[in-house]
PDB file of all heavy atoms in Angstrom:
ATOM      1  N   ARG A   1     -13.047  -1.910  12.248  1.00  0.00           N
ATOM      2  CA  ARG A   1     -11.652  -2.449  12.574  1.00  0.00           C
ATOM      3  C   ARG A   1     -11.754  -3.919  12.967  1.00  0.00           C
ATOM      4  O   ARG A   1     -10.850  -4.436  13.599  1.00  0.00           O
ATOM      5  CB  ARG A   1     -10.905  -1.655  13.579  1.00  0.00           C
ATOM      6  CG  ARG A   1     -10.700  -0.287  13.091  1.00  0.00           C
ATOM      7  CD  ARG A   1      -9.895   0.586  14.107  1.00  0.00           C
ATOM      8  NE  ARG A   1      -9.747   1.965  13.734  1.00  0.00           N
ATOM      9  CZ  ARG A   1      -8.782   2.489  12.913  1.00  0.00           C
ATOM     10  NH1 ARG A   1      -7.961   1.588  12.431  1.00  0.00           N
ATOM     11  NH2 ARG A   1      -8.798   3.744  12.619  1.00  0.00           N
ATOM     12  N   ALA A   2     -12.850  -4.607  12.693  1.00  0.00           N
ATOM     13  CA  ALA A   2     -12.997  -6.046  13.093  1.00  0.00           C
ATOM     14  C   ALA A   2     -12.038  -6.852  12.267  1.00  0.00           C
ATOM     15  O   ALA A   2     -11.603  -8.001  12.662  1.00  0.00           O
ATOM     16  CB  ALA A   2     -14.378  -6.525  12.967  1.00  0.00           C
ATOM     17  N   SER A   3     -11.704  -6.527  11.058  1.00  0.00           N
ATOM     18  CA  SER A   3     -10.774  -7.263  10.233  1.00  0.00           C
ATOM     19  C   SER A   3     -10.185  -6.160   9.196  1.00  0.00           C
ATOM     20  O   SER A   3     -10.621  -5.138   9.023  1.00  0.00           O
ATOM     21  CB  SER A   3     -11.591  -8.276   9.376  1.00  0.00           C
ATOM     22  OG  SER A   3     -12.548  -7.692   8.421  1.00  0.00           O
ATOM     23  N   LEU A   4      -9.059  -6.719   8.524  1.00  0.00           N
ATOM     24  CA  LEU A   4      -8.464  -5.849   7.579  1.00  0.00           C
ATOM     25  C   LEU A   4      -9.444  -5.519   6.441  1.00  0.00           C
ATOM     26  O   LEU A   4      -9.494  -4.468   5.866  1.00  0.00           O
ATOM     27  CB  LEU A   4      -7.154  -6.588   7.033  1.00  0.00           C
ATOM     28  CG  LEU A   4      -6.451  -5.797   5.866  1.00  0.00           C
ATOM     29  CD1 LEU A   4      -5.974  -4.463   6.384  1.00  0.00           C
ATOM     30  CD2 LEU A   4      -5.223  -6.613   5.400  1.00  0.00           C
ATOM     31  N   ALA A   5     -10.181  -6.608   6.043  1.00  0.00           N
ATOM     32  CA  ALA A   5     -11.171  -6.337   4.865  1.00  0.00           C
ATOM     33  C   ALA A   5     -12.203  -5.326   5.244  1.00  0.00           C
ATOM     34  O   ALA A   5     -12.511  -4.431   4.446  1.00  0.00           O
ATOM     35  CB  ALA A   5     -11.771  -7.661   4.568  1.00  0.00           C
ATOM     36  N   ASP A   6     -12.673  -5.369   6.505  1.00  0.00           N
ATOM     37  CA  ASP A   6     -13.627  -4.355   6.903  1.00  0.00           C
ATOM     38  C   ASP A   6     -13.017  -2.872   6.946  1.00  0.00           C
ATOM     39  O   ASP A   6     -13.675  -1.918   6.439  1.00  0.00           O
ATOM     40  CB  ASP A   6     -14.119  -4.614   8.274  1.00  0.00           C
ATOM     41  CG  ASP A   6     -15.279  -5.580   8.337  1.00  0.00           C
ATOM     42  OD1 ASP A   6     -15.577  -6.183   7.315  1.00  0.00           O
ATOM     43  OD2 ASP A   6     -15.807  -5.989   9.447  1.00  0.00           O
ATOM     44  N   ALA A   7     -11.822  -2.890   7.419  1.00  0.00           N
ATOM     45  CA  ALA A   7     -11.097  -1.523   7.484  1.00  0.00           C
ATOM     46  C   ALA A   7     -10.875  -1.004   6.050  1.00  0.00           C
ATOM     47  O   ALA A   7     -11.105   0.200   5.854  1.00  0.00           O
ATOM     48  CB  ALA A   7      -9.754  -1.671   8.186  1.00  0.00           C
ATOM     49  N   GLN A   8     -10.531  -1.840   5.134  1.00  0.00           N
ATOM     50  CA  GLN A   8     -10.339  -1.372   3.749  1.00  0.00           C
ATOM     51  C   GLN A   8     -11.643  -0.898   3.155  1.00  0.00           C
ATOM     52  O   GLN A   8     -11.675   0.110   2.439  1.00  0.00           O
ATOM     53  CB  GLN A   8      -9.672  -2.465   2.927  1.00  0.00           C
ATOM     54  CG  GLN A   8      -8.182  -2.796   3.293  1.00  0.00           C
ATOM     55  CD  GLN A   8      -7.615  -3.879   2.662  1.00  0.00           C
ATOM     56  OE1 GLN A   8      -8.278  -4.927   2.288  1.00  0.00           O
ATOM     57  NE2 GLN A   8      -6.317  -3.863   2.293  1.00  0.00           N
ATOM     58  N   ALA A   9     -12.707  -1.662   3.313  1.00  0.00           N
ATOM     59  CA  ALA A   9     -14.012  -1.338   2.881  1.00  0.00           C
ATOM     60  C   ALA A   9     -14.455   0.025   3.522  1.00  0.00           C
ATOM     61  O   ALA A   9     -15.062   0.908   2.782  1.00  0.00           O
ATOM     62  CB  ALA A   9     -14.990  -2.351   3.072  1.00  0.00           C
ATOM     63  N   ALA A  10     -14.338   0.115   4.794  1.00  0.00           N
ATOM     64  CA  ALA A  10     -14.768   1.316   5.429  1.00  0.00           C
ATOM     65  C   ALA A  10     -13.937   2.534   4.985  1.00  0.00           C
ATOM     66  O   ALA A  10     -14.462   3.723   4.773  1.00  0.00           O
ATOM     67  CB  ALA A  10     -14.586   1.194   6.978  1.00  0.00           C
ATOM     68  N   ALA A  11     -12.674   2.349   4.805  1.00  0.00           N
ATOM     69  CA  ALA A  11     -11.742   3.433   4.260  1.00  0.00           C
ATOM     70  C   ALA A  11     -12.242   3.948   2.990  1.00  0.00           C
ATOM     71  O   ALA A  11     -12.296   5.101   2.616  1.00  0.00           O
ATOM     72  CB  ALA A  11     -10.346   3.057   4.268  1.00  0.00           C
ATOM     73  N   SER A  12     -12.527   2.944   2.109  1.00  0.00           N
ATOM     74  CA  SER A  12     -13.006   3.316   0.706  1.00  0.00           C
ATOM     75  C   SER A  12     -14.228   4.146   0.693  1.00  0.00           C
ATOM     76  O   SER A  12     -14.279   5.130   0.045  1.00  0.00           O
ATOM     77  CB  SER A  12     -13.248   1.988   0.010  1.00  0.00           C
ATOM     78  OG  SER A  12     -13.479   2.266  -1.440  1.00  0.00           O
ATOM     79  N   ALA A  13     -15.241   3.783   1.543  1.00  0.00           N
ATOM     80  CA  ALA A  13     -16.477   4.492   1.533  1.00  0.00           C
ATOM     81  C   ALA A  13     -16.324   5.798   2.310  1.00  0.00           C
ATOM     82  O   ALA A  13     -16.888   6.876   1.918  1.00  0.00           O
ATOM     83  CB  ALA A  13     -17.647   3.692   2.209  1.00  0.00           C
ATOM     84  N   GLY A  14     -15.559   5.798   3.438  1.00  0.00           N
ATOM     85  CA  GLY A  14     -15.395   6.969   4.292  1.00  0.00           C
ATOM     86  C   GLY A  14     -14.582   8.055   3.635  1.00  0.00           C
ATOM     87  O   GLY A  14     -14.672   9.258   4.022  1.00  0.00           O
ATOM     88  N   GLN A  15     -13.643   7.699   2.791  1.00  0.00           N
ATOM     89  CA  GLN A  15     -12.746   8.718   2.206  1.00  0.00           C
ATOM     90  C   GLN A  15     -13.492   9.666   1.367  1.00  0.00           C
ATOM     91  O   GLN A  15     -13.218  10.909   1.386  1.00  0.00           O
ATOM     92  CB  GLN A  15     -11.593   8.040   1.379  1.00  0.00           C
ATOM     93  CG  GLN A  15     -10.544   8.995   1.078  1.00  0.00           C
ATOM     94  CD  GLN A  15      -9.820   9.469   2.269  1.00  0.00           C
ATOM     95  OE1 GLN A  15      -9.380   8.812   3.156  1.00  0.00           O
ATOM     96  NE2 GLN A  15      -9.693  10.800   2.374  1.00  0.00           N
ATOM     97  N   VAL A  16     -14.573   9.222   0.791  1.00  0.00           N
ATOM     98  CA  VAL A  16     -15.426  10.110  -0.075  1.00  0.00           C
ATOM     99  C   VAL A  16     -16.111  11.105   0.880  1.00  0.00           C
ATOM    100  O   VAL A  16     -16.035  12.421   0.547  1.00  0.00           O
ATOM    101  CB  VAL A  16     -16.501   9.334  -0.800  1.00  0.00           C
ATOM    102  CG1 VAL A  16     -17.493  10.305  -1.541  1.00  0.00           C
ATOM    103  CG2 VAL A  16     -15.856   8.350  -1.700  1.00  0.00           C
ATOM    104  N   VAL A  17     -16.623  10.743   1.988  1.00  0.00           N
ATOM    105  CA  VAL A  17     -17.223  11.586   2.962  1.00  0.00           C
ATOM    106  C   VAL A  17     -16.240  12.567   3.517  1.00  0.00           C
ATOM    107  O   VAL A  17     -16.567  13.797   3.622  1.00  0.00           O
ATOM    108  CB  VAL A  17     -17.951  10.823   4.006  1.00  0.00           C
ATOM    109  CG1 VAL A  17     -18.600  11.686   5.046  1.00  0.00           C
ATOM    110  CG2 VAL A  17     -18.874   9.773   3.505  1.00  0.00           C
ATOM    111  N   LEU A  18     -15.066  12.081   3.851  1.00  0.00           N
ATOM    112  CA  LEU A  18     -14.080  12.934   4.512  1.00  0.00           C
ATOM    113  C   LEU A  18     -13.508  14.002   3.554  1.00  0.00           C
ATOM    114  O   LEU A  18     -13.472  15.140   3.899  1.00  0.00           O
ATOM    115  CB  LEU A  18     -12.848  11.990   4.891  1.00  0.00           C
ATOM    116  CG  LEU A  18     -11.754  12.727   5.558  1.00  0.00           C
ATOM    117  CD1 LEU A  18     -12.189  13.201   6.953  1.00  0.00           C
ATOM    118  CD2 LEU A  18     -10.538  11.690   5.790  1.00  0.00           C
ATOM    119  N   ALA A  19     -13.442  13.720   2.269  1.00  0.00           N
ATOM    120  CA  ALA A  19     -12.965  14.600   1.240  1.00  0.00           C
ATOM    121  C   ALA A  19     -14.019  15.702   1.142  1.00  0.00           C
ATOM    122  O   ALA A  19     -13.749  16.906   0.967  1.00  0.00           O
ATOM    123  CB  ALA A  19     -12.675  13.953   0.023  1.00  0.00           C
ATOM    124  N   GLN A  20     -15.288  15.315   1.071  1.00  0.00           N
ATOM    125  CA  GLN A  20     -16.391  16.236   0.905  1.00  0.00           C
ATOM    126  C   GLN A  20     -16.474  17.291   2.137  1.00  0.00           C
ATOM    127  O   GLN A  20     -16.721  18.480   1.978  1.00  0.00           O
ATOM    128  CB  GLN A  20     -17.737  15.501   0.817  1.00  0.00           C
ATOM    129  CG  GLN A  20     -17.899  14.793  -0.513  1.00  0.00           C
ATOM    130  CD  GLN A  20     -19.194  13.930  -0.659  1.00  0.00           C
ATOM    131  OE1 GLN A  20     -19.654  13.577   0.446  1.00  0.00           O
ATOM    132  NE2 GLN A  20     -19.572  13.621  -1.756  1.00  0.00           N
ATOM    133  N   LEU A  21     -16.229  16.781   3.369  1.00  0.00           N
ATOM    134  CA  LEU A  21     -16.321  17.549   4.528  1.00  0.00           C
ATOM    135  C   LEU A  21     -15.161  18.579   4.466  1.00  0.00           C
ATOM    136  O   LEU A  21     -15.490  19.820   4.642  1.00  0.00           O
ATOM    137  CB  LEU A  21     -16.025  16.717   5.779  1.00  0.00           C
ATOM    138  CG  LEU A  21     -17.092  15.837   6.314  1.00  0.00           C
ATOM    139  CD1 LEU A  21     -16.565  14.896   7.466  1.00  0.00           C
ATOM    140  CD2 LEU A  21     -18.219  16.817   6.864  1.00  0.00           C
ATOM    141  N   TRP A  22     -13.966  18.192   4.104  1.00  0.00           N
ATOM    142  CA  TRP A  22     -12.842  19.208   4.100  1.00  0.00           C
ATOM    143  C   TRP A  22     -13.046  20.214   2.927  1.00  0.00           C
ATOM    144  O   TRP A  22     -12.814  21.446   3.028  1.00  0.00           O
ATOM    145  CB  TRP A  22     -11.509  18.482   3.852  1.00  0.00           C
ATOM    146  CG  TRP A  22     -11.066  18.013   5.218  1.00  0.00           C
ATOM    147  CD1 TRP A  22     -10.984  16.755   5.657  1.00  0.00           C
ATOM    148  CD2 TRP A  22     -10.592  18.764   6.330  1.00  0.00           C
ATOM    149  NE1 TRP A  22     -10.380  16.594   6.992  1.00  0.00           N
ATOM    150  CE2 TRP A  22     -10.157  17.909   7.370  1.00  0.00           C
ATOM    151  CE3 TRP A  22     -10.458  20.163   6.440  1.00  0.00           C
ATOM    152  CZ2 TRP A  22      -9.778  18.380   8.603  1.00  0.00           C
ATOM    153  CZ3 TRP A  22      -9.978  20.656   7.741  1.00  0.00           C
ATOM    154  CH2 TRP A  22      -9.625  19.722   8.760  1.00  0.00           C
ATOM    155  N   ALA A  23     -13.457  19.696   1.746  1.00  0.00           N
ATOM    156  CA  ALA A  23     -13.633  20.618   0.575  1.00  0.00           C
ATOM    157  C   ALA A  23     -14.707  21.678   0.921  1.00  0.00           C
ATOM    158  O   ALA A  23     -14.498  22.821   0.529  1.00  0.00           O
ATOM    159  CB  ALA A  23     -14.037  19.750  -0.665  1.00  0.00           C
ATOM    160  N   SER A  24     -15.775  21.235   1.525  1.00  0.00           N
ATOM    161  CA  SER A  24     -16.916  22.194   1.862  1.00  0.00           C
ATOM    162  C   SER A  24     -16.443  23.201   2.928  1.00  0.00           C
ATOM    163  O   SER A  24     -16.699  24.387   2.750  1.00  0.00           O
ATOM    164  CB  SER A  24     -18.089  21.352   2.337  1.00  0.00           C
ATOM    165  OG  SER A  24     -19.125  22.271   2.752  1.00  0.00           O
ATOM    166  N   ALA A  25     -15.711  22.771   3.962  1.00  0.00           N
ATOM    167  CA  ALA A  25     -15.290  23.633   5.046  1.00  0.00           C
ATOM    168  C   ALA A  25     -14.310  24.688   4.456  1.00  0.00           C
ATOM    169  O   ALA A  25     -14.316  25.834   4.834  1.00  0.00           O
ATOM    170  CB  ALA A  25     -14.760  22.826   6.114  1.00  0.00           C
ATOM    171  N   LEU A  26     -13.424  24.150   3.706  1.00  0.00           N
ATOM    172  CA  LEU A  26     -12.380  25.036   3.201  1.00  0.00           C
ATOM    173  C   LEU A  26     -12.947  26.072   2.051  1.00  0.00           C
ATOM    174  O   LEU A  26     -12.642  27.237   2.025  1.00  0.00           O
ATOM    175  CB  LEU A  26     -11.203  24.354   2.607  1.00  0.00           C
ATOM    176  CG  LEU A  26     -10.385  23.571   3.614  1.00  0.00           C
ATOM    177  CD1 LEU A  26      -9.305  22.567   2.979  1.00  0.00           C
ATOM    178  CD2 LEU A  26      -9.731  24.440   4.679  1.00  0.00           C
ATOM    179  N   GLU A  27     -13.713  25.502   1.259  1.00  0.00           N
ATOM    180  CA  GLU A  27     -14.394  26.280   0.147  1.00  0.00           C
ATOM    181  C   GLU A  27     -15.168  27.544   0.692  1.00  0.00           C
ATOM    182  O   GLU A  27     -15.154  28.668   0.193  1.00  0.00           O
ATOM    183  CB  GLU A  27     -15.169  25.510  -0.760  1.00  0.00           C
ATOM    184  CG  GLU A  27     -15.802  26.218  -1.959  1.00  0.00           C
ATOM    185  CD  GLU A  27     -16.530  25.372  -2.877  1.00  0.00           C
ATOM    186  OE1 GLU A  27     -16.663  24.283  -2.559  1.00  0.00           O
ATOM    187  OE2 GLU A  27     -17.022  25.963  -3.873  1.00  0.00           O
ATOM    188  N   ALA A  28     -15.822  27.278   1.816  1.00  0.00           N
ATOM    189  CA  ALA A  28     -16.628  28.278   2.391  1.00  0.00           C
ATOM    190  C   ALA A  28     -15.811  29.457   2.884  1.00  0.00           C
ATOM    191  O   ALA A  28     -16.314  30.551   3.222  1.00  0.00           O
ATOM    192  CB  ALA A  28     -17.464  27.681   3.572  1.00  0.00           C
ATOM    193  N   ARG A  29     -14.438  29.227   3.065  1.00  0.00           N
ATOM    194  CA  ARG A  29     -13.553  30.259   3.487  1.00  0.00           C
ATOM    195  C   ARG A  29     -12.567  30.709   2.440  1.00  0.00           C
ATOM    196  O   ARG A  29     -11.512  31.171   2.773  1.00  0.00           O
ATOM    197  CB  ARG A  29     -12.965  29.712   4.804  1.00  0.00           C
ATOM    198  CG  ARG A  29     -13.813  29.656   5.959  1.00  0.00           C
ATOM    199  CD  ARG A  29     -13.383  28.537   6.914  1.00  0.00           C
ATOM    200  NE  ARG A  29     -14.370  28.567   8.103  1.00  0.00           N
ATOM    201  CZ  ARG A  29     -15.502  27.836   7.922  1.00  0.00           C
ATOM    202  NH1 ARG A  29     -15.791  27.083   6.907  1.00  0.00           N
ATOM    203  NH2 ARG A  29     -16.349  27.843   9.018  1.00  0.00           N
ATOM    204  N   GLY A  30     -12.923  30.378   1.186  1.00  0.00           N
ATOM    205  CA  GLY A  30     -12.160  30.854   0.058  1.00  0.00           C
ATOM    206  C   GLY A  30     -10.908  30.064  -0.185  1.00  0.00           C
ATOM    207  O   GLY A  30     -10.046  30.581  -0.873  1.00  0.00           O
ATOM    208  N   LEU A  31     -10.778  28.863   0.344  1.00  0.00           N
ATOM    209  CA  LEU A  31      -9.674  27.999   0.133  1.00  0.00           C
ATOM    210  C   LEU A  31      -9.995  26.845  -0.741  1.00  0.00           C
ATOM    211  O   LEU A  31     -11.077  26.307  -0.628  1.00  0.00           O
ATOM    212  CB  LEU A  31      -9.134  27.520   1.511  1.00  0.00           C
ATOM    213  CG  LEU A  31      -8.731  28.675   2.465  1.00  0.00           C
ATOM    214  CD1 LEU A  31      -8.329  28.082   3.798  1.00  0.00           C
ATOM    215  CD2 LEU A  31      -7.523  29.419   1.925  1.00  0.00           C
ATOM    216  N   LYS A  32      -8.976  26.400  -1.452  1.00  0.00           N
ATOM    217  CA  LYS A  32      -9.254  25.175  -2.373  1.00  0.00           C
ATOM    218  C   LYS A  32      -8.599  23.944  -1.853  1.00  0.00           C
ATOM    219  O   LYS A  32      -7.332  24.019  -1.505  1.00  0.00           O
ATOM    220  CB  LYS A  32      -8.609  25.515  -3.783  1.00  0.00           C
ATOM    221  CG  LYS A  32      -9.289  26.744  -4.402  1.00  0.00           C
ATOM    222  CD  LYS A  32      -8.580  27.038  -5.779  1.00  0.00           C
ATOM    223  CE  LYS A  32      -9.189  28.259  -6.378  1.00  0.00           C
ATOM    224  NZ  LYS A  32      -8.481  28.694  -7.698  1.00  0.00           N
ATOM    225  N   ALA A  33      -9.304  22.933  -1.640  1.00  0.00           N
ATOM    226  CA  ALA A  33      -8.788  21.644  -1.091  1.00  0.00           C
ATOM    227  C   ALA A  33      -8.235  20.773  -2.287  1.00  0.00           C
ATOM    228  O   ALA A  33      -8.869  20.820  -3.333  1.00  0.00           O
ATOM    229  CB  ALA A  33      -9.938  20.894  -0.322  1.00  0.00           C
ATOM    230  N   ALA A  34      -7.167  20.054  -1.995  1.00  0.00           N
ATOM    231  CA  ALA A  34      -6.688  19.111  -2.935  1.00  0.00           C
ATOM    232  C   ALA A  34      -6.369  17.818  -2.185  1.00  0.00           C
ATOM    233  O   ALA A  34      -5.633  17.835  -1.275  1.00  0.00           O
ATOM    234  CB  ALA A  34      -5.365  19.630  -3.624  1.00  0.00           C
ATOM    235  N   GLN A  35      -6.989  16.760  -2.630  1.00  0.00           N
ATOM    236  CA  GLN A  35      -6.772  15.458  -1.925  1.00  0.00           C
ATOM    237  C   GLN A  35      -5.614  14.625  -2.387  1.00  0.00           C
ATOM    238  O   GLN A  35      -5.280  14.621  -3.576  1.00  0.00           O
ATOM    239  CB  GLN A  35      -8.139  14.546  -2.024  1.00  0.00           C
ATOM    240  CG  GLN A  35      -7.993  13.277  -1.316  1.00  0.00           C
ATOM    241  CD  GLN A  35      -9.149  12.289  -1.614  1.00  0.00           C
ATOM    242  OE1 GLN A  35      -9.350  11.983  -2.788  1.00  0.00           O
ATOM    243  NE2 GLN A  35      -9.882  12.058  -0.552  1.00  0.00           N
ATOM    244  N   MET A  36      -4.823  14.107  -1.459  1.00  0.00           N
ATOM    245  CA  MET A  36      -3.768  13.179  -1.759  1.00  0.00           C
ATOM    246  C   MET A  36      -3.888  11.932  -0.844  1.00  0.00           C
ATOM    247  O   MET A  36      -3.998  12.098   0.351  1.00  0.00           O
ATOM    248  CB  MET A  36      -2.442  13.820  -1.574  1.00  0.00           C
ATOM    249  CG  MET A  36      -1.975  14.740  -2.649  1.00  0.00           C
ATOM    250  SD  MET A  36      -0.289  15.364  -2.456  1.00  0.00           S
ATOM    251  CE  MET A  36       0.672  13.801  -2.646  1.00  0.00           C
ATOM    252  N   LEU A  37      -3.970  10.706  -1.465  1.00  0.00           N
ATOM    253  CA  LEU A  37      -3.961   9.545  -0.665  1.00  0.00           C
ATOM    254  C   LEU A  37      -2.696   8.890  -0.864  1.00  0.00           C
ATOM    255  O   LEU A  37      -2.195   8.653  -2.057  1.00  0.00           O
ATOM    256  CB  LEU A  37      -5.110   8.557  -1.048  1.00  0.00           C
ATOM    257  CG  LEU A  37      -6.434   9.124  -0.921  1.00  0.00           C
ATOM    258  CD1 LEU A  37      -7.559   8.079  -1.372  1.00  0.00           C
ATOM    259  CD2 LEU A  37      -6.764   9.467   0.567  1.00  0.00           C
ATOM    260  N   VAL A  38      -1.929   8.481   0.132  1.00  0.00           N
ATOM    261  CA  VAL A  38      -0.580   8.002   0.051  1.00  0.00           C
ATOM    262  C   VAL A  38      -0.555   6.594   0.860  1.00  0.00           C
ATOM    263  O   VAL A  38      -1.302   6.368   1.851  1.00  0.00           O
ATOM    264  CB  VAL A  38       0.547   8.857   0.463  1.00  0.00           C
ATOM    265  CG1 VAL A  38       0.469  10.108  -0.299  1.00  0.00           C
ATOM    266  CG2 VAL A  38       0.294   9.198   1.965  1.00  0.00           C
ATOM    267  N   THR A  39       0.409   5.788   0.298  1.00  0.00           N
ATOM    268  CA  THR A  39       0.736   4.546   1.079  1.00  0.00           C
ATOM    269  C   THR A  39       2.117   4.689   1.708  1.00  0.00           C
ATOM    270  O   THR A  39       2.864   5.594   1.340  1.00  0.00           O
ATOM    271  CB  THR A  39       0.634   3.307   0.211  1.00  0.00           C
ATOM    272  OG1 THR A  39       1.660   3.429  -0.826  1.00  0.00           O
ATOM    273  CG2 THR A  39      -0.762   3.149  -0.411  1.00  0.00           C
ATOM    274  N   LEU A  40       2.469   3.765   2.526  1.00  0.00           N
ATOM    275  CA  LEU A  40       3.873   3.706   3.036  1.00  0.00           C
ATOM    276  C   LEU A  40       4.921   3.726   1.945  1.00  0.00           C
ATOM    277  O   LEU A  40       5.915   4.372   1.988  1.00  0.00           O
ATOM    278  CB  LEU A  40       3.958   2.423   3.950  1.00  0.00           C
ATOM    279  CG  LEU A  40       5.408   2.261   4.610  1.00  0.00           C
ATOM    280  CD1 LEU A  40       5.682   3.361   5.557  1.00  0.00           C
ATOM    281  CD2 LEU A  40       5.472   0.935   5.317  1.00  0.00           C
ATOM    282  N   GLY A  41       4.642   2.857   0.968  1.00  0.00           N
ATOM    283  CA  GLY A  41       5.557   2.841  -0.192  1.00  0.00           C
ATOM    284  C   GLY A  41       5.762   4.098  -0.913  1.00  0.00           C
ATOM    285  O   GLY A  41       6.938   4.336  -1.496  1.00  0.00           O
ATOM    286  N   ASP A  42       4.818   4.896  -0.960  1.00  0.00           N
ATOM    287  CA  ASP A  42       4.970   6.202  -1.647  1.00  0.00           C
ATOM    288  C   ASP A  42       5.998   7.103  -0.948  1.00  0.00           C
ATOM    289  O   ASP A  42       6.575   7.888  -1.677  1.00  0.00           O
ATOM    290  CB  ASP A  42       3.555   6.985  -1.700  1.00  0.00           C
ATOM    291  CG  ASP A  42       2.595   6.212  -2.540  1.00  0.00           C
ATOM    292  OD1 ASP A  42       2.907   5.630  -3.487  1.00  0.00           O
ATOM    293  OD2 ASP A  42       1.415   6.332  -2.172  1.00  0.00           O
ATOM    294  N   LEU A  43       6.190   6.924   0.292  1.00  0.00           N
ATOM    295  CA  LEU A  43       7.198   7.744   1.006  1.00  0.00           C
ATOM    296  C   LEU A  43       8.470   7.007   1.380  1.00  0.00           C
ATOM    297  O   LEU A  43       9.420   7.602   1.845  1.00  0.00           O
ATOM    298  CB  LEU A  43       6.508   8.431   2.272  1.00  0.00           C
ATOM    299  CG  LEU A  43       5.328   9.321   1.987  1.00  0.00           C
ATOM    300  CD1 LEU A  43       4.830   9.871   3.155  1.00  0.00           C
ATOM    301  CD2 LEU A  43       5.697  10.441   0.983  1.00  0.00           C
TER     302      LEU A  43
END
């Protein structure tokens, strides 16, 4: 969070890890994960 550019770069890399965490945890319990990324404008 040192700069907006850093936050955007971190989010881009971290979202892959985050999605994998949730998909794995839910799949192990018979649930299917579906990712949605939204912006303020989308809502």
